[in-house]
């Protein structure tokens, strides 16, 4: 189980990119923290989520 924004999910074994493709997040408009460290966007396809990982996904929203 992986905790994503405080919710336990079955995402272990997937890369961050694979997880994001199953969501409505736009990878160009988010930032991700994994286990307390910022993940560089170029690494989304290489980092495999493991049981016990914790992700925080922040979605940037424009406005005015």
PDB file of N, CA and C in Angstrom:
ATOM      1  N   UNK A   1       0.847  -1.185   0.000  1.00  0.00           N
ATOM      2  CA  UNK A   1       0.000   0.000   0.000  1.00  0.00           C
ATOM      3  C   UNK A   1       0.888   1.242   0.000  1.00  0.00           C
ATOM      4  N   UNK A   2       0.443   2.214  -0.747  1.00  0.00           N
ATOM      5  CA  UNK A   2       1.128   3.498  -0.837  1.00  0.00           C
ATOM      6  C   UNK A   2       0.158   4.563  -0.347  1.00  0.00           C
ATOM      7  N   UNK A   3       0.637   5.473   0.491  1.00  0.00           N
ATOM      8  CA  UNK A   3      -0.213   6.555   0.978  1.00  0.00           C
ATOM      9  C   UNK A   3      -0.042   7.732   0.016  1.00  0.00           C
ATOM     10  N   UNK A   4      -1.132   8.138  -0.621  1.00  0.00           N
ATOM     11  CA  UNK A   4      -1.109   9.244  -1.577  1.00  0.00           C
ATOM     12  C   UNK A   4      -2.054  10.322  -1.074  1.00  0.00           C
ATOM     13  N   UNK A   5      -1.483  11.476  -0.753  1.00  0.00           N
ATOM     14  CA  UNK A   5      -2.252  12.577  -0.165  1.00  0.00           C
ATOM     15  C   UNK A   5      -3.082  12.107   1.019  1.00  0.00           C
ATOM     16  N   UNK A   6      -2.458  11.247   1.838  1.00  0.00           N
ATOM     17  CA  UNK A   6      -3.094  10.797   3.068  1.00  0.00           C
ATOM     18  C   UNK A   6      -4.030   9.611   2.939  1.00  0.00           C
ATOM     19  N   UNK A   7      -4.200   9.071   1.722  1.00  0.00           N
ATOM     20  CA  UNK A   7      -5.123   7.952   1.494  1.00  0.00           C
ATOM     21  C   UNK A   7      -4.326   6.725   1.048  1.00  0.00           C
ATOM     22  N   UNK A   8      -4.546   5.591   1.709  1.00  0.00           N
ATOM     23  CA  UNK A   8      -3.878   4.340   1.345  1.00  0.00           C
ATOM     24  C   UNK A   8      -4.436   3.846   0.013  1.00  0.00           C
ATOM     25  N   UNK A   9      -3.535   3.513  -0.931  1.00  0.00           N
ATOM     26  CA  UNK A   9      -3.938   3.038  -2.257  1.00  0.00           C
ATOM     27  C   UNK A   9      -3.057   1.879  -2.687  1.00  0.00           C
ATOM     28  N   UNK A  10      -3.602   1.040  -3.551  1.00  0.00           N
ATOM     29  CA  UNK A  10      -2.840  -0.052  -4.149  1.00  0.00           C
ATOM     30  C   UNK A  10      -2.096   0.509  -5.354  1.00  0.00           C
ATOM     31  N   UNK A  11      -0.900   0.997  -5.140  1.00  0.00           N
ATOM     32  CA  UNK A  11      -0.112   1.559  -6.237  1.00  0.00           C
ATOM     33  C   UNK A  11       1.313   1.032  -6.240  1.00  0.00           C
ATOM     34  N   UNK A  12       1.654   0.156  -5.298  1.00  0.00           N
ATOM     35  CA  UNK A  12       3.027  -0.354  -5.256  1.00  0.00           C
ATOM     36  C   UNK A  12       3.287  -1.184  -6.508  1.00  0.00           C
ATOM     37  N   UNK A  13       4.526  -1.088  -6.999  1.00  0.00           N
ATOM     38  CA  UNK A  13       4.914  -1.782  -8.219  1.00  0.00           C
ATOM     39  C   UNK A  13       4.754  -0.946  -9.473  1.00  0.00           C
ATOM     40  N   UNK A  14       4.048   0.174  -9.376  1.00  0.00           N
ATOM     41  CA  UNK A  14       3.875   1.082 -10.506  1.00  0.00           C
ATOM     42  C   UNK A  14       4.917   2.190 -10.439  1.00  0.00           C
ATOM     43  N   UNK A  15       5.295   2.706 -11.606  1.00  0.00           N
ATOM     44  CA  UNK A  15       6.101   3.919 -11.586  1.00  0.00           C
ATOM     45  C   UNK A  15       5.171   5.081 -11.287  1.00  0.00           C
ATOM     46  N   UNK A  16       5.751   6.201 -10.943  1.00  0.00           N
ATOM     47  CA  UNK A  16       4.932   7.400 -10.713  1.00  0.00           C
ATOM     48  C   UNK A  16       4.162   7.742 -11.979  1.00  0.00           C
ATOM     49  N   UNK A  17       4.811   7.644 -13.149  1.00  0.00           N
ATOM     50  CA  UNK A  17       4.132   7.930 -14.422  1.00  0.00           C
ATOM     51  C   UNK A  17       2.944   7.009 -14.638  1.00  0.00           C
ATOM     52  N   UNK A  18       3.118   5.725 -14.342  1.00  0.00           N
ATOM     53  CA  UNK A  18       2.009   4.780 -14.503  1.00  0.00           C
ATOM     54  C   UNK A  18       0.853   5.150 -13.585  1.00  0.00           C
ATOM     55  N   UNK A  19       1.173   5.492 -12.343  1.00  0.00           N
ATOM     56  CA  UNK A  19       0.115   5.906 -11.422  1.00  0.00           C
ATOM     57  C   UNK A  19      -0.602   7.137 -11.961  1.00  0.00           C
ATOM     58  N   UNK A  20       0.162   8.152 -12.396  1.00  0.00           N
ATOM     59  CA  UNK A  20      -0.444   9.391 -12.870  1.00  0.00           C
ATOM     60  C   UNK A  20      -1.331   9.166 -14.090  1.00  0.00           C
ATOM     61  N   UNK A  21      -0.987   8.204 -14.941  1.00  0.00           N
ATOM     62  CA  UNK A  21      -1.795   7.947 -16.134  1.00  0.00           C
ATOM     63  C   UNK A  21      -3.177   7.408 -15.780  1.00  0.00           C
ATOM     64  N   UNK A  22      -3.331   6.890 -14.565  1.00  0.00           N
ATOM     65  CA  UNK A  22      -4.640   6.382 -14.130  1.00  0.00           C
ATOM     66  C   UNK A  22      -5.444   7.452 -13.383  1.00  0.00           C
ATOM     67  N   UNK A  23      -4.915   8.671 -13.350  1.00  0.00           N
ATOM     68  CA  UNK A  23      -5.583   9.770 -12.649  1.00  0.00           C
ATOM     69  C   UNK A  23      -5.872  10.904 -13.620  1.00  0.00           C
ATOM     70  N   UNK A  24      -6.451  11.966 -13.116  1.00  0.00           N
ATOM     71  CA  UNK A  24      -6.717  13.141 -13.935  1.00  0.00           C
ATOM     72  C   UNK A  24      -5.676  14.237 -13.727  1.00  0.00           C
ATOM     73  N   UNK A  25      -4.605  13.924 -13.016  1.00  0.00           N
ATOM     74  CA  UNK A  25      -3.540  14.913 -12.820  1.00  0.00           C
ATOM     75  C   UNK A  25      -2.842  15.201 -14.139  1.00  0.00           C
ATOM     76  N   UNK A  26      -2.535  16.474 -14.374  1.00  0.00           N
ATOM     77  CA  UNK A  26      -1.726  16.879 -15.516  1.00  0.00           C
ATOM     78  C   UNK A  26      -0.280  16.967 -15.022  1.00  0.00           C
ATOM     79  N   UNK A  27       0.599  16.063 -15.468  1.00  0.00           N
ATOM     80  CA  UNK A  27       1.980  16.056 -14.958  1.00  0.00           C
ATOM     81  C   UNK A  27       2.702  17.389 -15.120  1.00  0.00           C
ATOM     82  N   UNK A  28       2.272  18.224 -16.046  1.00  0.00           N
ATOM     83  CA  UNK A  28       2.908  19.524 -16.247  1.00  0.00           C
ATOM     84  C   UNK A  28       2.503  20.527 -15.172  1.00  0.00           C
ATOM     85  N   UNK A  29       1.426  20.232 -14.435  1.00  0.00           N
ATOM     86  CA  UNK A  29       0.895  21.192 -13.468  1.00  0.00           C
ATOM     87  C   UNK A  29       0.935  20.680 -12.033  1.00  0.00           C
ATOM     88  N   UNK A  30       1.820  19.718 -11.767  1.00  0.00           N
ATOM     89  CA  UNK A  30       1.891  19.181 -10.407  1.00  0.00           C
ATOM     90  C   UNK A  30       3.333  19.148  -9.909  1.00  0.00           C
ATOM     91  N   UNK A  31       3.452  18.995  -8.621  1.00  0.00           N
ATOM     92  CA  UNK A  31       4.730  18.699  -7.968  1.00  0.00           C
ATOM     93  C   UNK A  31       4.471  17.510  -7.053  1.00  0.00           C
ATOM     94  N   UNK A  32       5.464  16.640  -6.941  1.00  0.00           N
ATOM     95  CA  UNK A  32       5.308  15.436  -6.124  1.00  0.00           C
ATOM     96  C   UNK A  32       6.444  15.346  -5.119  1.00  0.00           C
ATOM     97  N   UNK A  33       6.051  15.024  -3.889  1.00  0.00           N
ATOM     98  CA  UNK A  33       7.004  14.747  -2.827  1.00  0.00           C
ATOM     99  C   UNK A  33       6.835  13.274  -2.459  1.00  0.00           C
ATOM    100  N   UNK A  34       7.952  12.537  -2.460  1.00  0.00           N
ATOM    101  CA  UNK A  34       7.929  11.109  -2.090  1.00  0.00           C
ATOM    102  C   UNK A  34       8.784  10.923  -0.858  1.00  0.00           C
ATOM    103  N   UNK A  35       8.179  10.452   0.186  1.00  0.00           N
ATOM    104  CA  UNK A  35       8.879  10.195   1.445  1.00  0.00           C
ATOM    105  C   UNK A  35       9.689  11.411   1.895  1.00  0.00           C
ATOM    106  N   UNK A  36       9.091  12.598   1.736  1.00  0.00           N
ATOM    107  CA  UNK A  36       9.707  13.823   2.234  1.00  0.00           C
ATOM    108  C   UNK A  36      10.665  14.499   1.276  1.00  0.00           C
ATOM    109  N   UNK A  37      10.861  13.948   0.068  1.00  0.00           N
ATOM    110  CA  UNK A  37      11.781  14.547  -0.894  1.00  0.00           C
ATOM    111  C   UNK A  37      11.064  14.841  -2.210  1.00  0.00           C
ATOM    112  N   UNK A  38      11.351  16.012  -2.780  1.00  0.00           N
ATOM    113  CA  UNK A  38      10.761  16.403  -4.062  1.00  0.00           C
ATOM    114  C   UNK A  38      11.272  15.465  -5.152  1.00  0.00           C
ATOM    115  N   UNK A  39      10.358  15.032  -6.029  1.00  0.00           N
ATOM    116  CA  UNK A  39      10.716  14.162  -7.146  1.00  0.00           C
ATOM    117  C   UNK A  39      10.853  15.022  -8.401  1.00  0.00           C
ATOM    118  N   UNK A  40      11.981  14.906  -9.076  1.00  0.00           N
ATOM    119  CA  UNK A  40      12.202  15.623 -10.336  1.00  0.00           C
ATOM    120  C   UNK A  40      11.339  14.974 -11.414  1.00  0.00           C
ATOM    121  N   UNK A  41      10.645  15.799 -12.203  1.00  0.00           N
ATOM    122  CA  UNK A  41       9.711  15.291 -13.208  1.00  0.00           C
ATOM    123  C   UNK A  41      10.343  14.260 -14.142  1.00  0.00           C
ATOM    124  N   UNK A  42      11.602  14.442 -14.484  1.00  0.00           N
ATOM    125  CA  UNK A  42      12.260  13.497 -15.398  1.00  0.00           C
ATOM    126  C   UNK A  42      12.404  12.102 -14.785  1.00  0.00           C
ATOM    127  N   UNK A  43      12.183  11.973 -13.485  1.00  0.00           N
ATOM    128  CA  UNK A  43      12.298  10.684 -12.800  1.00  0.00           C
ATOM    129  C   UNK A  43      10.955   9.963 -12.641  1.00  0.00           C
ATOM    130  N   UNK A  44       9.850  10.592 -13.023  1.00  0.00           N
ATOM    131  CA  UNK A  44       8.529   9.988 -12.830  1.00  0.00           C
ATOM    132  C   UNK A  44       8.435   8.602 -13.466  1.00  0.00           C
ATOM    133  N   UNK A  45       9.069   8.394 -14.609  1.00  0.00           N
ATOM    134  CA  UNK A  45       8.995   7.108 -15.293  1.00  0.00           C
ATOM    135  C   UNK A  45       9.969   6.069 -14.750  1.00  0.00           C
ATOM    136  N   UNK A  46      10.858   6.473 -13.870  1.00  0.00           N
ATOM    137  CA  UNK A  46      11.881   5.564 -13.361  1.00  0.00           C
ATOM    138  C   UNK A  46      11.670   5.142 -11.918  1.00  0.00           C
ATOM    139  N   UNK A  47      10.977   5.958 -11.137  1.00  0.00           N
ATOM    140  CA  UNK A  47      10.780   5.640  -9.715  1.00  0.00           C
ATOM    141  C   UNK A  47       9.588   4.708  -9.560  1.00  0.00           C
ATOM    142  N   UNK A  48       9.856   3.521  -9.011  1.00  0.00           N
ATOM    143  CA  UNK A  48       8.805   2.533  -8.773  1.00  0.00           C
ATOM    144  C   UNK A  48       8.323   2.694  -7.339  1.00  0.00           C
ATOM    145  N   UNK A  49       7.024   2.821  -7.186  1.00  0.00           N
ATOM    146  CA  UNK A  49       6.430   2.976  -5.858  1.00  0.00           C
ATOM    147  C   UNK A  49       6.508   1.666  -5.095  1.00  0.00           C
ATOM    148  N   UNK A  50       6.853   1.763  -3.818  1.00  0.00           N
ATOM    149  CA  UNK A  50       7.023   0.591  -2.948  1.00  0.00           C
ATOM    150  C   UNK A  50       6.025   0.653  -1.792  1.00  0.00           C
ATOM    151  N   UNK A  51       5.694  -0.523  -1.252  1.00  0.00           N
ATOM    152  CA  UNK A  51       4.845  -0.556  -0.063  1.00  0.00           C
ATOM    153  C   UNK A  51       5.443   0.347   1.002  1.00  0.00           C
ATOM    154  N   UNK A  52       4.607   1.159   1.616  1.00  0.00           N
ATOM    155  CA  UNK A  52       5.053   2.050   2.683  1.00  0.00           C
ATOM    156  C   UNK A  52       5.447   3.434   2.203  1.00  0.00           C
ATOM    157  N   UNK A  53       5.555   3.631   0.866  1.00  0.00           N
ATOM    158  CA  UNK A  53       5.872   4.968   0.362  1.00  0.00           C
ATOM    159  C   UNK A  53       4.740   5.934   0.687  1.00  0.00           C
ATOM    160  N   UNK A  54       5.093   7.196   0.795  1.00  0.00           N
ATOM    161  CA  UNK A  54       4.122   8.255   1.026  1.00  0.00           C
ATOM    162  C   UNK A  54       4.344   9.339  -0.019  1.00  0.00           C
ATOM    163  N   UNK A  55       3.305   9.627  -0.803  1.00  0.00           N
ATOM    164  CA  UNK A  55       3.368  10.675  -1.823  1.00  0.00           C
ATOM    165  C   UNK A  55       2.446  11.821  -1.445  1.00  0.00           C
ATOM    166  N   UNK A  56       2.918  13.007  -1.679  1.00  0.00           N
ATOM    167  CA  UNK A  56       2.076  14.204  -1.599  1.00  0.00           C
ATOM    168  C   UNK A  56       2.101  14.807  -2.986  1.00  0.00           C
ATOM    169  N   UNK A  57       0.937  14.979  -3.589  1.00  0.00           N
ATOM    170  CA  UNK A  57       0.829  15.549  -4.929  1.00  0.00           C
ATOM    171  C   UNK A  57       0.144  16.893  -4.808  1.00  0.00           C
ATOM    172  N   UNK A  58       0.831  17.925  -5.302  1.00  0.00           N
ATOM    173  CA  UNK A  58       0.291  19.282  -5.266  1.00  0.00           C
ATOM    174  C   UNK A  58      -0.042  19.687  -6.682  1.00  0.00           C
ATOM    175  N   UNK A  59      -1.275  20.091  -6.899  1.00  0.00           N
ATOM    176  CA  UNK A  59      -1.761  20.491  -8.216  1.00  0.00           C
ATOM    177  C   UNK A  59      -1.817  22.006  -8.278  1.00  0.00           C
ATOM    178  N   UNK A  60      -1.057  22.596  -9.207  1.00  0.00           N
ATOM    179  CA  UNK A  60      -1.042  24.042  -9.352  1.00  0.00           C
ATOM    180  C   UNK A  60      -2.276  24.488 -10.133  1.00  0.00           C
ATOM    181  N   UNK A  61      -2.944  25.511  -9.618  1.00  0.00           N
ATOM    182  CA  UNK A  61      -4.166  26.027 -10.232  1.00  0.00           C
ATOM    183  C   UNK A  61      -3.970  27.497 -10.524  1.00  0.00           C
ATOM    184  N   UNK A  62      -4.275  27.882 -11.748  1.00  0.00           N
ATOM    185  CA  UNK A  62      -4.174  29.297 -12.110  1.00  0.00           C
ATOM    186  C   UNK A  62      -5.447  30.035 -11.721  1.00  0.00           C
ATOM    187  N   UNK A  63      -5.348  31.295 -11.609  1.00  0.00           N
ATOM    188  CA  UNK A  63      -6.518  32.086 -11.261  1.00  0.00           C
ATOM    189  C   UNK A  63      -6.175  33.552 -11.335  1.00  0.00           C
ATOM    190  N   UNK A  64      -7.155  34.327 -11.134  1.00  0.00           N
ATOM    191  CA  UNK A  64      -6.854  35.734 -11.191  1.00  0.00           C
ATOM    192  C   UNK A  64      -7.953  36.511 -10.701  1.00  0.00           C
TER     193      UNK A  64
END
